[in-house]
């Protein structure tokens, strides 16, 4: 899959509308619409970075569909991240979403 397909997939996954992505990324809705058209342009590096940050994914994921950070084996991660992961597994879905929202908020400040 390419950028357009990965962008659509990530938008569907995140539940964001294109206009919401535009607001989060600082791009115009019509610009993002153009990236999603079959014959549309490929975004500039700056635009791809803005979109990736707004969607909380890597540019590599949007371009290739692969995210090396998400594919890292748990054992290769720092101990505190392993502990956070193990504790998160014990939480119900609602509480995990709260933790995820908090992590994203902290990451974007």
PDB file of N, CA and C in Angstrom:
ATOM      1  N   UNK A   1       0.851  -1.182   0.000  1.00  0.00           N
ATOM      2  CA  UNK A   1       0.000   0.000   0.000  1.00  0.00           C
ATOM      3  C   UNK A   1       0.892   1.238   0.000  1.00  0.00           C
ATOM      4  N   UNK A   2       0.364   2.315  -0.540  1.00  0.00           N
ATOM      5  CA  UNK A   2       1.101   3.563  -0.601  1.00  0.00           C
ATOM      6  C   UNK A   2       0.552   4.595   0.378  1.00  0.00           C
ATOM      7  N   UNK A   3       1.043   5.814   0.240  1.00  0.00           N
ATOM      8  CA  UNK A   3       0.674   6.892   1.148  1.00  0.00           C
ATOM      9  C   UNK A   3      -0.843   7.077   1.241  1.00  0.00           C
ATOM     10  N   UNK A   4      -1.503   7.149   0.104  1.00  0.00           N
ATOM     11  CA  UNK A   4      -2.948   7.403   0.089  1.00  0.00           C
ATOM     12  C   UNK A   4      -3.709   6.323   0.855  1.00  0.00           C
ATOM     13  N   UNK A   5      -3.356   5.066   0.581  1.00  0.00           N
ATOM     14  CA  UNK A   5      -4.047   3.957   1.237  1.00  0.00           C
ATOM     15  C   UNK A   5      -3.740   3.916   2.735  1.00  0.00           C
ATOM     16  N   UNK A   6      -2.486   4.161   3.083  1.00  0.00           N
ATOM     17  CA  UNK A   6      -2.113   4.150   4.506  1.00  0.00           C
ATOM     18  C   UNK A   6      -2.746   5.318   5.250  1.00  0.00           C
ATOM     19  N   UNK A   7      -2.843   6.470   4.591  1.00  0.00           N
ATOM     20  CA  UNK A   7      -3.507   7.625   5.197  1.00  0.00           C
ATOM     21  C   UNK A   7      -4.973   7.308   5.436  1.00  0.00           C
ATOM     22  N   UNK A   8      -5.647   6.749   4.442  1.00  0.00           N
ATOM     23  CA  UNK A   8      -7.065   6.390   4.590  1.00  0.00           C
ATOM     24  C   UNK A   8      -7.236   5.378   5.714  1.00  0.00           C
ATOM     25  N   UNK A   9      -6.387   4.370   5.739  1.00  0.00           N
ATOM     26  CA  UNK A   9      -6.456   3.335   6.767  1.00  0.00           C
ATOM     27  C   UNK A   9      -6.275   3.930   8.159  1.00  0.00           C
ATOM     28  N   UNK A  10      -5.302   4.819   8.310  1.00  0.00           N
ATOM     29  CA  UNK A  10      -5.042   5.425   9.616  1.00  0.00           C
ATOM     30  C   UNK A  10      -6.173   6.361  10.026  1.00  0.00           C
ATOM     31  N   UNK A  11      -6.747   7.075   9.068  1.00  0.00           N
ATOM     32  CA  UNK A  11      -7.902   7.925   9.377  1.00  0.00           C
ATOM     33  C   UNK A  11      -9.070   7.071   9.862  1.00  0.00           C
ATOM     34  N   UNK A  12      -9.323   5.965   9.170  1.00  0.00           N
ATOM     35  CA  UNK A  12     -10.400   5.066   9.586  1.00  0.00           C
ATOM     36  C   UNK A  12     -10.135   4.518  10.980  1.00  0.00           C
ATOM     37  N   UNK A  13      -8.894   4.104  11.222  1.00  0.00           N
ATOM     38  CA  UNK A  13      -8.519   3.545  12.518  1.00  0.00           C
ATOM     39  C   UNK A  13      -8.685   4.571  13.635  1.00  0.00           C
ATOM     40  N   UNK A  14      -8.264   5.809  13.368  1.00  0.00           N
ATOM     41  CA  UNK A  14      -8.304   6.849  14.403  1.00  0.00           C
ATOM     42  C   UNK A  14      -9.703   7.407  14.611  1.00  0.00           C
ATOM     43  N   UNK A  15     -10.571   7.232  13.619  1.00  0.00           N
ATOM     44  CA  UNK A  15     -11.915   7.780  13.716  1.00  0.00           C
ATOM     45  C   UNK A  15     -11.988   9.268  13.424  1.00  0.00           C
ATOM     46  N   UNK A  16     -10.888   9.829  12.931  1.00  0.00           N
ATOM     47  CA  UNK A  16     -10.862  11.257  12.614  1.00  0.00           C
ATOM     48  C   UNK A  16     -11.488  11.528  11.251  1.00  0.00           C
ATOM     49  N   UNK A  17     -12.111  12.673  11.142  1.00  0.00           N
ATOM     50  CA  UNK A  17     -12.583  13.163   9.850  1.00  0.00           C
ATOM     51  C   UNK A  17     -11.450  13.940   9.199  1.00  0.00           C
ATOM     52  N   UNK A  18     -11.528  14.097   7.888  1.00  0.00           N
ATOM     53  CA  UNK A  18     -10.484  14.839   7.179  1.00  0.00           C
ATOM     54  C   UNK A  18     -10.395  16.262   7.705  1.00  0.00           C
ATOM     55  N   UNK A  19     -11.526  16.878   8.000  1.00  0.00           N
ATOM     56  CA  UNK A  19     -11.483  18.255   8.511  1.00  0.00           C
ATOM     57  C   UNK A  19     -10.811  18.309   9.889  1.00  0.00           C
ATOM     58  N   UNK A  20     -10.957  17.255  10.692  1.00  0.00           N
ATOM     59  CA  UNK A  20     -10.284  17.211  11.990  1.00  0.00           C
ATOM     60  C   UNK A  20      -8.779  17.032  11.807  1.00  0.00           C
ATOM     61  N   UNK A  21      -8.403  16.175  10.853  1.00  0.00           N
ATOM     62  CA  UNK A  21      -6.984  16.001  10.548  1.00  0.00           C
ATOM     63  C   UNK A  21      -6.390  17.311  10.049  1.00  0.00           C
ATOM     64  N   UNK A  22      -7.145  18.030   9.235  1.00  0.00           N
ATOM     65  CA  UNK A  22      -6.667  19.323   8.732  1.00  0.00           C
ATOM     66  C   UNK A  22      -6.393  20.272   9.896  1.00  0.00           C
ATOM     67  N   UNK A  23      -7.307  20.340  10.836  1.00  0.00           N
ATOM     68  CA  UNK A  23      -7.123  21.230  11.987  1.00  0.00           C
ATOM     69  C   UNK A  23      -5.912  20.811  12.825  1.00  0.00           C
ATOM     70  N   UNK A  24      -5.756  19.509  13.041  1.00  0.00           N
ATOM     71  CA  UNK A  24      -4.634  19.015  13.855  1.00  0.00           C
ATOM     72  C   UNK A  24      -3.288  19.182  13.166  1.00  0.00           C
ATOM     73  N   UNK A  25      -3.280  19.066  11.845  1.00  0.00           N
ATOM     74  CA  UNK A  25      -2.023  19.106  11.107  1.00  0.00           C
ATOM     75  C   UNK A  25      -1.638  20.504  10.639  1.00  0.00           C
ATOM     76  N   UNK A  26      -2.611  21.429  10.649  1.00  0.00           N
ATOM     77  CA  UNK A  26      -2.343  22.775  10.157  1.00  0.00           C
ATOM     78  C   UNK A  26      -2.418  22.883   8.644  1.00  0.00           C
ATOM     79  N   UNK A  27      -2.904  21.834   8.000  1.00  0.00           N
ATOM     80  CA  UNK A  27      -3.071  21.851   6.550  1.00  0.00           C
ATOM     81  C   UNK A  27      -4.527  22.146   6.209  1.00  0.00           C
ATOM     82  N   UNK A  28      -4.763  22.549   4.986  1.00  0.00           N
ATOM     83  CA  UNK A  28      -6.132  22.802   4.548  1.00  0.00           C
ATOM     84  C   UNK A  28      -6.816  21.477   4.221  1.00  0.00           C
ATOM     85  N   UNK A  29      -8.126  21.415   4.492  1.00  0.00           N
ATOM     86  CA  UNK A  29      -8.894  20.214   4.200  1.00  0.00           C
ATOM     87  C   UNK A  29      -8.763  19.848   2.728  1.00  0.00           C
ATOM     88  N   UNK A  30      -8.826  20.834   1.867  1.00  0.00           N
ATOM     89  CA  UNK A  30      -8.751  20.575   0.425  1.00  0.00           C
ATOM     90  C   UNK A  30      -7.382  19.994   0.042  1.00  0.00           C
ATOM     91  N   UNK A  31      -6.342  20.383   0.760  1.00  0.00           N
ATOM     92  CA  UNK A  31      -5.009  19.827   0.502  1.00  0.00           C
ATOM     93  C   UNK A  31      -4.983  18.340   0.854  1.00  0.00           C
ATOM     94  N   UNK A  32      -5.530  17.996   2.019  1.00  0.00           N
ATOM     95  CA  UNK A  32      -5.562  16.586   2.431  1.00  0.00           C
ATOM     96  C   UNK A  32      -6.459  15.792   1.481  1.00  0.00           C
ATOM     97  N   UNK A  33      -7.594  16.371   1.088  1.00  0.00           N
ATOM     98  CA  UNK A  33      -8.460  15.713   0.094  1.00  0.00           C
ATOM     99  C   UNK A  33      -7.669  15.378  -1.166  1.00  0.00           C
ATOM    100  N   UNK A  34      -6.836  16.314  -1.613  1.00  0.00           N
ATOM    101  CA  UNK A  34      -6.064  16.083  -2.839  1.00  0.00           C
ATOM    102  C   UNK A  34      -5.076  14.931  -2.659  1.00  0.00           C
ATOM    103  N   UNK A  35      -4.473  14.794  -1.476  1.00  0.00           N
ATOM    104  CA  UNK A  35      -3.543  13.695  -1.222  1.00  0.00           C
ATOM    105  C   UNK A  35      -4.242  12.342  -1.273  1.00  0.00           C
ATOM    106  N   UNK A  36      -5.531  12.338  -0.987  1.00  0.00           N
ATOM    107  CA  UNK A  36      -6.276  11.088  -0.912  1.00  0.00           C
ATOM    108  C   UNK A  36      -6.903  10.688  -2.246  1.00  0.00           C
ATOM    109  N   UNK A  37      -6.907  11.592  -3.213  1.00  0.00           N
ATOM    110  CA  UNK A  37      -7.437  11.250  -4.542  1.00  0.00           C
ATOM    111  C   UNK A  37      -6.499  10.272  -5.228  1.00  0.00           C
ATOM    112  N   UNK A  38      -7.062   9.406  -6.052  1.00  0.00           N
ATOM    113  CA  UNK A  38      -6.259   8.411  -6.767  1.00  0.00           C
ATOM    114  C   UNK A  38      -5.166   9.072  -7.595  1.00  0.00           C
ATOM    115  N   UNK A  39      -5.492  10.167  -8.243  1.00  0.00           N
ATOM    116  CA  UNK A  39      -4.528  10.857  -9.104  1.00  0.00           C
ATOM    117  C   UNK A  39      -3.908  12.069  -8.409  1.00  0.00           C
ATOM    118  N   UNK A  40      -4.084  12.150  -7.093  1.00  0.00           N
ATOM    119  CA  UNK A  40      -3.610  13.309  -6.349  1.00  0.00           C
ATOM    120  C   UNK A  40      -2.101  13.335  -6.167  1.00  0.00           C
ATOM    121  N   UNK A  41      -1.581  14.480  -5.762  1.00  0.00           N
ATOM    122  CA  UNK A  41      -0.137  14.623  -5.567  1.00  0.00           C
ATOM    123  C   UNK A  41       0.338  13.896  -4.316  1.00  0.00           C
ATOM    124  N   UNK A  42       1.621  13.655  -4.283  1.00  0.00           N
ATOM    125  CA  UNK A  42       2.259  13.141  -3.067  1.00  0.00           C
ATOM    126  C   UNK A  42       2.597  14.357  -2.211  1.00  0.00           C
ATOM    127  N   UNK A  43       2.349  14.290  -0.906  1.00  0.00           N
ATOM    128  CA  UNK A  43       2.632  15.462  -0.072  1.00  0.00           C
ATOM    129  C   UNK A  43       4.120  15.753   0.034  1.00  0.00           C
ATOM    130  N   UNK A  44       4.416  17.001   0.324  1.00  0.00           N
ATOM    131  CA  UNK A  44       5.801  17.372   0.601  1.00  0.00           C
ATOM    132  C   UNK A  44       6.236  16.693   1.896  1.00  0.00           C
ATOM    133  N   UNK A  45       7.519  16.685   2.133  1.00  0.00           N
ATOM    134  CA  UNK A  45       8.037  16.101   3.375  1.00  0.00           C
ATOM    135  C   UNK A  45       7.424  16.809   4.578  1.00  0.00           C
ATOM    136  N   UNK A  46       7.352  18.139   4.517  1.00  0.00           N
ATOM    137  CA  UNK A  46       6.804  18.915   5.636  1.00  0.00           C
ATOM    138  C   UNK A  46       5.347  18.550   5.890  1.00  0.00           C
ATOM    139  N   UNK A  47       4.560  18.418   4.816  1.00  0.00           N
ATOM    140  CA  UNK A  47       3.150  18.063   4.967  1.00  0.00           C
ATOM    141  C   UNK A  47       3.009  16.648   5.521  1.00  0.00           C
ATOM    142  N   UNK A  48       3.830  15.718   5.034  1.00  0.00           N
ATOM    143  CA  UNK A  48       3.783  14.338   5.527  1.00  0.00           C
ATOM    144  C   UNK A  48       4.120  14.276   7.012  1.00  0.00           C
ATOM    145  N   UNK A  49       5.092  15.072   7.430  1.00  0.00           N
ATOM    146  CA  UNK A  49       5.458  15.122   8.850  1.00  0.00           C
ATOM    147  C   UNK A  49       4.298  15.667   9.678  1.00  0.00           C
ATOM    148  N   UNK A  50       3.659  16.725   9.214  1.00  0.00           N
ATOM    149  CA  UNK A  50       2.519  17.313   9.928  1.00  0.00           C
ATOM    150  C   UNK A  50       1.374  16.315  10.054  1.00  0.00           C
ATOM    151  N   UNK A  51       1.102  15.592   8.975  1.00  0.00           N
ATOM    152  CA  UNK A  51       0.029  14.593   8.995  1.00  0.00           C
ATOM    153  C   UNK A  51       0.388  13.454   9.945  1.00  0.00           C
ATOM    154  N   UNK A  52       1.623  12.972   9.863  1.00  0.00           N
ATOM    155  CA  UNK A  52       2.056  11.869  10.728  1.00  0.00           C
ATOM    156  C   UNK A  52       1.965  12.255  12.196  1.00  0.00           C
ATOM    157  N   UNK A  53       2.407  13.469  12.539  1.00  0.00           N
ATOM    158  CA  UNK A  53       2.327  13.919  13.936  1.00  0.00           C
ATOM    159  C   UNK A  53       0.881  13.994  14.395  1.00  0.00           C
ATOM    160  N   UNK A  54       0.014  14.520  13.536  1.00  0.00           N
ATOM    161  CA  UNK A  54      -1.403  14.647  13.902  1.00  0.00           C
ATOM    162  C   UNK A  54      -2.046  13.278  14.117  1.00  0.00           C
ATOM    163  N   UNK A  55      -1.600  12.276  13.363  1.00  0.00           N
ATOM    164  CA  UNK A  55      -2.155  10.924  13.485  1.00  0.00           C
ATOM    165  C   UNK A  55      -1.397  10.060  14.480  1.00  0.00           C
ATOM    166  N   UNK A  56      -0.320  10.609  15.034  1.00  0.00           N
ATOM    167  CA  UNK A  56       0.502   9.894  16.008  1.00  0.00           C
ATOM    168  C   UNK A  56       1.096   8.606  15.423  1.00  0.00           C
ATOM    169  N   UNK A  57       1.581   8.723  14.180  1.00  0.00           N
ATOM    170  CA  UNK A  57       2.274   7.628  13.512  1.00  0.00           C
ATOM    171  C   UNK A  57       3.555   8.188  12.904  1.00  0.00           C
ATOM    172  N   UNK A  58       4.399   7.315  12.406  1.00  0.00           N
ATOM    173  CA  UNK A  58       5.620   7.778  11.754  1.00  0.00           C
ATOM    174  C   UNK A  58       5.354   8.064  10.278  1.00  0.00           C
ATOM    175  N   UNK A  59       6.187   8.910   9.711  1.00  0.00           N
ATOM    176  CA  UNK A  59       6.099   9.165   8.273  1.00  0.00           C
ATOM    177  C   UNK A  59       6.381   7.861   7.532  1.00  0.00           C
ATOM    178  N   UNK A  60       7.318   7.081   8.052  1.00  0.00           N
ATOM    179  CA  UNK A  60       7.626   5.795   7.422  1.00  0.00           C
ATOM    180  C   UNK A  60       6.378   4.929   7.324  1.00  0.00           C
ATOM    181  N   UNK A  61       5.561   4.929   8.384  1.00  0.00           N
ATOM    182  CA  UNK A  61       4.324   4.148   8.331  1.00  0.00           C
ATOM    183  C   UNK A  61       3.411   4.649   7.212  1.00  0.00           C
ATOM    184  N   UNK A  62       3.249   5.960   7.100  1.00  0.00           N
ATOM    185  CA  UNK A  62       2.369   6.492   6.064  1.00  0.00           C
ATOM    186  C   UNK A  62       2.871   6.175   4.661  1.00  0.00           C
ATOM    187  N   UNK A  63       4.183   6.152   4.487  1.00  0.00           N
ATOM    188  CA  UNK A  63       4.754   5.906   3.159  1.00  0.00           C
ATOM    189  C   UNK A  63       4.803   4.412   2.835  1.00  0.00           C
ATOM    190  N   UNK A  64       5.224   3.594   3.801  1.00  0.00           N
ATOM    191  CA  UNK A  64       5.471   2.175   3.516  1.00  0.00           C
ATOM    192  C   UNK A  64       4.461   1.221   4.145  1.00  0.00           C
ATOM    193  N   UNK A  65       3.765   1.670   5.179  1.00  0.00           N
ATOM    194  CA  UNK A  65       2.884   0.769   5.915  1.00  0.00           C
ATOM    195  C   UNK A  65       3.602   0.039   7.028  1.00  0.00           C
ATOM    196  N   UNK A  66       4.916   0.263   7.153  1.00  0.00           N
ATOM    197  CA  UNK A  66       5.723  -0.375   8.200  1.00  0.00           C
ATOM    198  C   UNK A  66       6.122   0.664   9.226  1.00  0.00           C
ATOM    199  N   UNK A  67       6.130   0.269  10.485  1.00  0.00           N
ATOM    200  CA  UNK A  67       6.578   1.162  11.550  1.00  0.00           C
ATOM    201  C   UNK A  67       7.554   0.400  12.422  1.00  0.00           C
ATOM    202  N   UNK A  68       8.856   0.651  12.231  1.00  0.00           N
ATOM    203  CA  UNK A  68       9.850  -0.126  12.973  1.00  0.00           C
ATOM    204  C   UNK A  68       9.717   0.000  14.482  1.00  0.00           C
ATOM    205  N   UNK A  69       9.254   1.126  14.981  1.00  0.00           N
ATOM    206  CA  UNK A  69       9.095   1.283  16.428  1.00  0.00           C
ATOM    207  C   UNK A  69       8.018   0.339  16.942  1.00  0.00           C
ATOM    208  N   UNK A  70       6.910   0.241  16.218  1.00  0.00           N
ATOM    209  CA  UNK A  70       5.820  -0.632  16.656  1.00  0.00           C
ATOM    210  C   UNK A  70       6.146  -2.103  16.448  1.00  0.00           C
ATOM    211  N   UNK A  71       7.134  -2.392  15.608  1.00  0.00           N
ATOM    212  CA  UNK A  71       7.500  -3.777  15.331  1.00  0.00           C
ATOM    213  C   UNK A  71       8.642  -4.268  16.209  1.00  0.00           C
ATOM    214  N   UNK A  72       9.147  -3.411  17.109  1.00  0.00           N
ATOM    215  CA  UNK A  72      10.237  -3.808  17.994  1.00  0.00           C
ATOM    216  C   UNK A  72       9.764  -4.884  18.961  1.00  0.00           C
ATOM    217  N   UNK A  73      10.582  -5.922  19.186  1.00  0.00           N
ATOM    218  CA  UNK A  73      10.214  -6.903  20.205  1.00  0.00           C
ATOM    219  C   UNK A  73      10.210  -6.239  21.585  1.00  0.00           C
ATOM    220  N   UNK A  74       9.283  -6.633  22.409  1.00  0.00           N
ATOM    221  CA  UNK A  74       9.139  -6.030  23.736  1.00  0.00           C
ATOM    222  C   UNK A  74      10.435  -6.106  24.536  1.00  0.00           C
ATOM    223  N   UNK A  75      11.141  -7.196  24.421  1.00  0.00           N
ATOM    224  CA  UNK A  75      12.376  -7.372  25.199  1.00  0.00           C
ATOM    225  C   UNK A  75      13.445  -6.349  24.840  1.00  0.00           C
ATOM    226  N   UNK A  76      13.368  -5.749  23.651  1.00  0.00           N
ATOM    227  CA  UNK A  76      14.380  -4.774  23.256  1.00  0.00           C
ATOM    228  C   UNK A  76      14.049  -3.364  23.743  1.00  0.00           C
ATOM    229  N   UNK A  77      12.883  -3.190  24.329  1.00  0.00           N
ATOM    230  CA  UNK A  77      12.479  -1.877  24.825  1.00  0.00           C
ATOM    231  C   UNK A  77      13.040  -1.639  26.217  1.00  0.00           C
ATOM    232  N   UNK A  78      13.182  -0.362  26.604  1.00  0.00           N
ATOM    233  CA  UNK A  78      13.654  -0.069  27.964  1.00  0.00           C
ATOM    234  C   UNK A  78      12.723  -0.696  29.016  1.00  0.00           C
ATOM    235  N   UNK A  79      13.286  -1.007  30.171  1.00  0.00           N
ATOM    236  CA  UNK A  79      12.541  -1.701  31.237  1.00  0.00           C
ATOM    237  C   UNK A  79      11.284  -0.938  31.661  1.00  0.00           C
ATOM    238  N   UNK A  80      11.354   0.404  31.744  1.00  0.00           N
ATOM    239  CA  UNK A  80      10.174   1.143  32.182  1.00  0.00           C
ATOM    240  C   UNK A  80       9.033   1.030  31.159  1.00  0.00           C
ATOM    241  N   UNK A  81       9.375   0.975  29.880  1.00  0.00           N
ATOM    242  CA  UNK A  81       8.344   0.820  28.857  1.00  0.00           C
ATOM    243  C   UNK A  81       7.764  -0.596  28.913  1.00  0.00           C
ATOM    244  N   UNK A  82       8.600  -1.574  29.175  1.00  0.00           N
ATOM    245  CA  UNK A  82       8.106  -2.939  29.349  1.00  0.00           C
ATOM    246  C   UNK A  82       7.121  -3.002  30.516  1.00  0.00           C
ATOM    247  N   UNK A  83       7.473  -2.338  31.610  1.00  0.00           N
ATOM    248  CA  UNK A  83       6.606  -2.348  32.790  1.00  0.00           C
ATOM    249  C   UNK A  83       5.277  -1.657  32.505  1.00  0.00           C
ATOM    250  N   UNK A  84       5.328  -0.529  31.822  1.00  0.00           N
ATOM    251  CA  UNK A  84       4.097   0.175  31.440  1.00  0.00           C
ATOM    252  C   UNK A  84       3.225  -0.748  30.593  1.00  0.00           C
ATOM    253  N   UNK A  85       3.845  -1.447  29.665  1.00  0.00           N
ATOM    254  CA  UNK A  85       3.107  -2.362  28.797  1.00  0.00           C
ATOM    255  C   UNK A  85       2.454  -3.475  29.603  1.00  0.00           C
ATOM    256  N   UNK A  86       3.206  -4.112  30.471  1.00  0.00           N
ATOM    257  CA  UNK A  86       2.659  -5.205  31.273  1.00  0.00           C
ATOM    258  C   UNK A  86       1.526  -4.733  32.179  1.00  0.00           C
ATOM    259  N   UNK A  87       1.674  -3.568  32.772  1.00  0.00           N
ATOM    260  CA  UNK A  87       0.607  -3.042  33.626  1.00  0.00           C
ATOM    261  C   UNK A  87      -0.625  -2.673  32.794  1.00  0.00           C
ATOM    262  N   UNK A  88      -0.409  -2.161  31.597  1.00  0.00           N
ATOM    263  CA  UNK A  88      -1.522  -1.771  30.724  1.00  0.00           C
ATOM    264  C   UNK A  88      -2.361  -2.965  30.296  1.00  0.00           C
ATOM    265  N   UNK A  89      -1.705  -4.091  30.112  1.00  0.00           N
ATOM    266  CA  UNK A  89      -2.414  -5.307  29.697  1.00  0.00           C
ATOM    267  C   UNK A  89      -3.483  -5.688  30.715  1.00  0.00           C
ATOM    268  N   UNK A  90      -3.250  -5.373  31.963  1.00  0.00           N
ATOM    269  CA  UNK A  90      -4.172  -5.741  33.035  1.00  0.00           C
ATOM    270  C   UNK A  90      -5.414  -4.839  33.090  1.00  0.00           C
ATOM    271  N   UNK A  91      -5.363  -3.699  32.389  1.00  0.00           N
ATOM    272  CA  UNK A  91      -6.461  -2.732  32.441  1.00  0.00           C
ATOM    273  C   UNK A  91      -7.580  -3.109  31.479  1.00  0.00           C
ATOM    274  N   UNK A  92      -8.791  -2.609  31.782  1.00  0.00           N
ATOM    275  CA  UNK A  92      -9.883  -2.801  30.830  1.00  0.00           C
ATOM    276  C   UNK A  92      -9.710  -1.815  29.671  1.00  0.00           C
ATOM    277  N   UNK A  93     -10.472  -2.008  28.613  1.00  0.00           N
ATOM    278  CA  UNK A  93     -10.317  -1.209  27.393  1.00  0.00           C
ATOM    279  C   UNK A  93     -10.518   0.285  27.660  1.00  0.00           C
ATOM    280  N   UNK A  94     -11.482   0.630  28.477  1.00  0.00           N
ATOM    281  CA  UNK A  94     -11.741   2.048  28.766  1.00  0.00           C
ATOM    282  C   UNK A  94     -10.537   2.692  29.453  1.00  0.00           C
ATOM    283  N   UNK A  95      -9.979   2.006  30.435  1.00  0.00           N
ATOM    284  CA  UNK A  95      -8.822   2.547  31.150  1.00  0.00           C
ATOM    285  C   UNK A  95      -7.583   2.606  30.255  1.00  0.00           C
ATOM    286  N   UNK A  96      -7.426   1.616  29.365  1.00  0.00           N
ATOM    287  CA  UNK A  96      -6.301   1.669  28.424  1.00  0.00           C
ATOM    288  C   UNK A  96      -6.433   2.876  27.502  1.00  0.00           C
ATOM    289  N   UNK A  97      -7.652   3.198  27.091  1.00  0.00           N
ATOM    290  CA  UNK A  97      -7.864   4.377  26.244  1.00  0.00           C
ATOM    291  C   UNK A  97      -7.521   5.663  26.982  1.00  0.00           C
ATOM    292  N   UNK A  98      -7.794   5.712  28.277  1.00  0.00           N
ATOM    293  CA  UNK A  98      -7.430   6.883  29.086  1.00  0.00           C
ATOM    294  C   UNK A  98      -5.909   7.024  29.121  1.00  0.00           C
ATOM    295  N   UNK A  99      -5.221   5.916  29.367  1.00  0.00           N
ATOM    296  CA  UNK A  99      -3.756   5.927  29.406  1.00  0.00           C
ATOM    297  C   UNK A  99      -3.192   6.341  28.045  1.00  0.00           C
ATOM    298  N   UNK A 100      -3.752   5.796  26.966  1.00  0.00           N
ATOM    299  CA  UNK A 100      -3.299   6.142  25.622  1.00  0.00           C
ATOM    300  C   UNK A 100      -3.510   7.625  25.334  1.00  0.00           C
ATOM    301  N   UNK A 101      -4.666   8.154  25.717  1.00  0.00           N
ATOM    302  CA  UNK A 101      -4.930   9.584  25.527  1.00  0.00           C
ATOM    303  C   UNK A 101      -3.943  10.436  26.316  1.00  0.00           C
ATOM    304  N   UNK A 102      -3.659  10.040  27.537  1.00  0.00           N
ATOM    305  CA  UNK A 102      -2.692  10.772  28.359  1.00  0.00           C
ATOM    306  C   UNK A 102      -1.300  10.725  27.729  1.00  0.00           C
ATOM    307  N   UNK A 103      -0.887   9.562  27.248  1.00  0.00           N
ATOM    308  CA  UNK A 103       0.433   9.451  26.607  1.00  0.00           C
ATOM    309  C   UNK A 103       0.516  10.326  25.372  1.00  0.00           C
ATOM    310  N   UNK A 104      -0.534  10.348  24.566  1.00  0.00           N
ATOM    311  CA  UNK A 104      -0.540  11.201  23.373  1.00  0.00           C
ATOM    312  C   UNK A 104      -0.499  12.680  23.758  1.00  0.00           C
ATOM    313  N   UNK A 105      -1.240  13.032  24.789  1.00  0.00           N
ATOM    314  CA  UNK A 105      -1.235  14.425  25.259  1.00  0.00           C
ATOM    315  C   UNK A 105       0.160  14.826  25.708  1.00  0.00           C
ATOM    316  N   UNK A 106       0.814  13.995  26.482  1.00  0.00           N
ATOM    317  CA  UNK A 106       2.169  14.290  26.951  1.00  0.00           C
ATOM    318  C   UNK A 106       3.149  14.349  25.784  1.00  0.00           C
ATOM    319  N   UNK A 107       2.963  13.485  24.813  1.00  0.00           N
ATOM    320  CA  UNK A 107       3.853  13.436  23.653  1.00  0.00           C
ATOM    321  C   UNK A 107       3.726  14.691  22.787  1.00  0.00           C
ATOM    322  N   UNK A 108       2.553  15.299  22.756  1.00  0.00           N
ATOM    323  CA  UNK A 108       2.308  16.452  21.874  1.00  0.00           C
ATOM    324  C   UNK A 108       2.532  17.802  22.528  1.00  0.00           C
ATOM    325  N   UNK A 109       2.981  17.816  23.765  1.00  0.00           N
ATOM    326  CA  UNK A 109       3.180  19.135  24.393  1.00  0.00           C
ATOM    327  C   UNK A 109       4.544  19.687  24.114  1.00  0.00           C
TER     328      UNK A 109
END
